[in-house]
N, C-alpha and C. Protein backbone atom coordinates (compact mmCIF):
# COMPACT_ATOMS: atom_id res chain seq x y z
N UNK A 1 35.58 -27.02 26.76
CA UNK A 1 36.27 -27.20 28.01
C UNK A 1 35.90 -28.58 28.58
N UNK A 2 36.91 -29.31 29.02
CA UNK A 2 36.71 -30.63 29.57
C UNK A 2 36.26 -30.56 31.03
N UNK A 3 35.54 -31.58 31.46
CA UNK A 3 35.03 -31.66 32.83
C UNK A 3 35.43 -32.99 33.45
N UNK A 4 35.40 -33.06 34.75
CA UNK A 4 35.66 -34.31 35.47
C UNK A 4 34.68 -35.36 34.97
N UNK A 5 35.20 -36.55 34.68
CA UNK A 5 34.37 -37.65 34.20
C UNK A 5 34.31 -37.78 32.70
N UNK A 6 34.81 -36.80 31.96
CA UNK A 6 34.81 -36.89 30.50
C UNK A 6 35.79 -37.96 30.03
N UNK A 7 35.38 -38.73 29.04
CA UNK A 7 36.27 -39.69 28.39
C UNK A 7 37.03 -38.94 27.30
N UNK A 8 38.33 -39.16 27.24
CA UNK A 8 39.17 -38.42 26.30
C UNK A 8 40.08 -39.35 25.51
N UNK A 9 40.56 -38.83 24.40
CA UNK A 9 41.53 -39.52 23.55
C UNK A 9 42.75 -38.61 23.45
N UNK A 10 43.94 -39.18 23.69
CA UNK A 10 45.18 -38.43 23.61
C UNK A 10 45.58 -38.28 22.14
N UNK A 11 45.81 -37.06 21.70
CA UNK A 11 46.05 -36.77 20.28
C UNK A 11 47.29 -37.46 19.72
N UNK A 12 48.33 -37.64 20.51
CA UNK A 12 49.58 -38.17 19.97
C UNK A 12 49.56 -39.66 19.68
N UNK A 13 48.85 -40.44 20.52
CA UNK A 13 48.90 -41.89 20.31
C UNK A 13 47.53 -42.60 20.35
N UNK A 14 46.46 -41.86 20.55
CA UNK A 14 45.13 -42.45 20.54
C UNK A 14 44.73 -43.15 21.82
N UNK A 15 45.55 -43.03 22.87
CA UNK A 15 45.20 -43.65 24.15
C UNK A 15 43.93 -43.02 24.70
N UNK A 16 43.15 -43.83 25.42
CA UNK A 16 41.88 -43.36 25.99
C UNK A 16 42.00 -43.27 27.49
N UNK A 17 41.30 -42.28 28.06
CA UNK A 17 41.33 -42.09 29.50
C UNK A 17 40.12 -41.33 29.99
N UNK A 18 40.09 -41.10 31.30
CA UNK A 18 39.00 -40.37 31.95
C UNK A 18 39.61 -39.22 32.74
N UNK A 19 39.03 -38.03 32.60
CA UNK A 19 39.50 -36.84 33.31
C UNK A 19 39.10 -36.96 34.79
N UNK A 20 40.09 -36.81 35.67
CA UNK A 20 39.87 -36.92 37.11
C UNK A 20 39.90 -35.57 37.81
N UNK A 21 40.58 -34.59 37.20
CA UNK A 21 40.71 -33.26 37.81
C UNK A 21 41.07 -32.28 36.70
N UNK A 22 40.63 -31.03 36.85
CA UNK A 22 40.94 -30.01 35.85
C UNK A 22 41.50 -28.78 36.56
N UNK A 23 42.71 -28.37 36.17
CA UNK A 23 43.33 -27.13 36.61
C UNK A 23 43.92 -26.52 35.35
N UNK A 24 43.08 -25.75 34.65
CA UNK A 24 43.46 -25.24 33.34
C UNK A 24 44.83 -24.62 33.33
N UNK A 25 45.62 -24.89 32.32
CA UNK A 25 45.28 -25.61 31.09
C UNK A 25 45.52 -27.12 31.18
N UNK A 26 45.73 -27.66 32.38
CA UNK A 26 46.05 -29.08 32.53
C UNK A 26 44.86 -29.90 33.01
N UNK A 27 44.86 -31.16 32.60
CA UNK A 27 43.85 -32.12 33.05
C UNK A 27 44.56 -33.34 33.61
N UNK A 28 44.11 -33.81 34.76
CA UNK A 28 44.63 -35.01 35.39
C UNK A 28 43.84 -36.18 34.84
N UNK A 29 44.52 -37.10 34.14
CA UNK A 29 43.83 -38.16 33.42
C UNK A 29 44.31 -39.53 33.91
N UNK A 30 43.36 -40.44 34.12
CA UNK A 30 43.71 -41.84 34.35
C UNK A 30 43.49 -42.57 33.03
N UNK A 31 44.55 -43.21 32.54
CA UNK A 31 44.54 -43.84 31.23
C UNK A 31 44.07 -45.28 31.31
N UNK A 32 43.75 -45.87 30.16
CA UNK A 32 43.23 -47.23 30.09
C UNK A 32 44.16 -48.27 30.69
N UNK A 33 45.46 -47.97 30.77
CA UNK A 33 46.41 -48.90 31.38
C UNK A 33 46.68 -48.53 32.86
N UNK A 34 45.84 -47.66 33.41
CA UNK A 34 45.87 -47.21 34.81
C UNK A 34 47.03 -46.27 35.13
N UNK A 35 47.77 -45.83 34.12
CA UNK A 35 48.78 -44.80 34.28
C UNK A 35 48.05 -43.47 34.49
N UNK A 36 48.58 -42.60 35.33
CA UNK A 36 47.95 -41.31 35.61
C UNK A 36 48.93 -40.20 35.25
N UNK A 37 48.43 -39.16 34.56
CA UNK A 37 49.31 -38.06 34.18
C UNK A 37 48.52 -36.76 34.04
N UNK A 38 49.27 -35.65 34.06
CA UNK A 38 48.71 -34.33 33.79
C UNK A 38 48.99 -34.02 32.33
N UNK A 39 47.95 -33.67 31.57
CA UNK A 39 48.11 -33.37 30.15
C UNK A 39 47.50 -32.03 29.82
N UNK A 40 48.08 -31.36 28.84
CA UNK A 40 47.54 -30.10 28.35
C UNK A 40 46.19 -30.37 27.69
N UNK A 41 45.19 -29.57 28.02
CA UNK A 41 43.85 -29.77 27.49
C UNK A 41 43.85 -29.78 25.96
N UNK A 42 44.76 -29.03 25.33
CA UNK A 42 44.82 -28.96 23.88
C UNK A 42 45.21 -30.30 23.25
N UNK A 43 45.85 -31.18 24.01
CA UNK A 43 46.28 -32.48 23.47
C UNK A 43 45.23 -33.56 23.68
N UNK A 44 44.07 -33.19 24.24
CA UNK A 44 43.02 -34.15 24.52
C UNK A 44 41.78 -33.86 23.69
N UNK A 45 41.15 -34.91 23.20
CA UNK A 45 39.91 -34.77 22.45
C UNK A 45 38.83 -35.54 23.21
N UNK A 46 37.71 -34.89 23.49
CA UNK A 46 36.62 -35.53 24.21
C UNK A 46 35.94 -36.56 23.30
N UNK A 47 35.69 -37.74 23.84
CA UNK A 47 34.93 -38.78 23.15
C UNK A 47 33.50 -38.68 23.64
N UNK A 48 32.67 -37.91 22.91
CA UNK A 48 31.30 -37.63 23.35
C UNK A 48 30.46 -38.91 23.50
N UNK A 49 30.59 -39.82 22.57
CA UNK A 49 29.78 -41.04 22.61
C UNK A 49 30.09 -41.87 23.85
N UNK A 50 31.37 -42.10 24.12
CA UNK A 50 31.76 -42.89 25.29
C UNK A 50 31.45 -42.16 26.59
N UNK A 51 31.60 -40.84 26.61
CA UNK A 51 31.29 -40.06 27.80
C UNK A 51 29.81 -40.22 28.16
N UNK A 52 28.93 -40.13 27.18
CA UNK A 52 27.49 -40.27 27.45
C UNK A 52 27.14 -41.68 27.92
N UNK A 53 27.78 -42.68 27.35
CA UNK A 53 27.48 -44.07 27.72
C UNK A 53 27.90 -44.39 29.15
N UNK A 54 28.98 -43.78 29.63
CA UNK A 54 29.48 -44.13 30.96
C UNK A 54 28.90 -43.27 32.09
N UNK A 55 28.19 -42.19 31.75
CA UNK A 55 27.60 -41.33 32.79
C UNK A 55 26.39 -42.00 33.43
N UNK A 56 26.21 -41.75 34.71
CA UNK A 56 25.02 -42.24 35.43
C UNK A 56 23.81 -41.43 35.00
N UNK A 57 22.67 -42.06 34.96
CA UNK A 57 21.43 -41.35 34.61
C UNK A 57 21.10 -40.33 35.67
N UNK A 58 20.60 -39.20 35.24
CA UNK A 58 20.28 -38.13 36.19
C UNK A 58 18.81 -38.07 36.40
């Protein structure tokens, strides 16, 4: 399950974005070109490496 702040890759074209809101099964994503859209969670793949690098230390 995706969470706010997760970095994701869109399955259809490889675009990268960050999850801004989650209302299952949809995720509100801001994409690398600053376009914003609601996408089905099934079409998104979490980029674990990038997500960890961009998170603030706890």
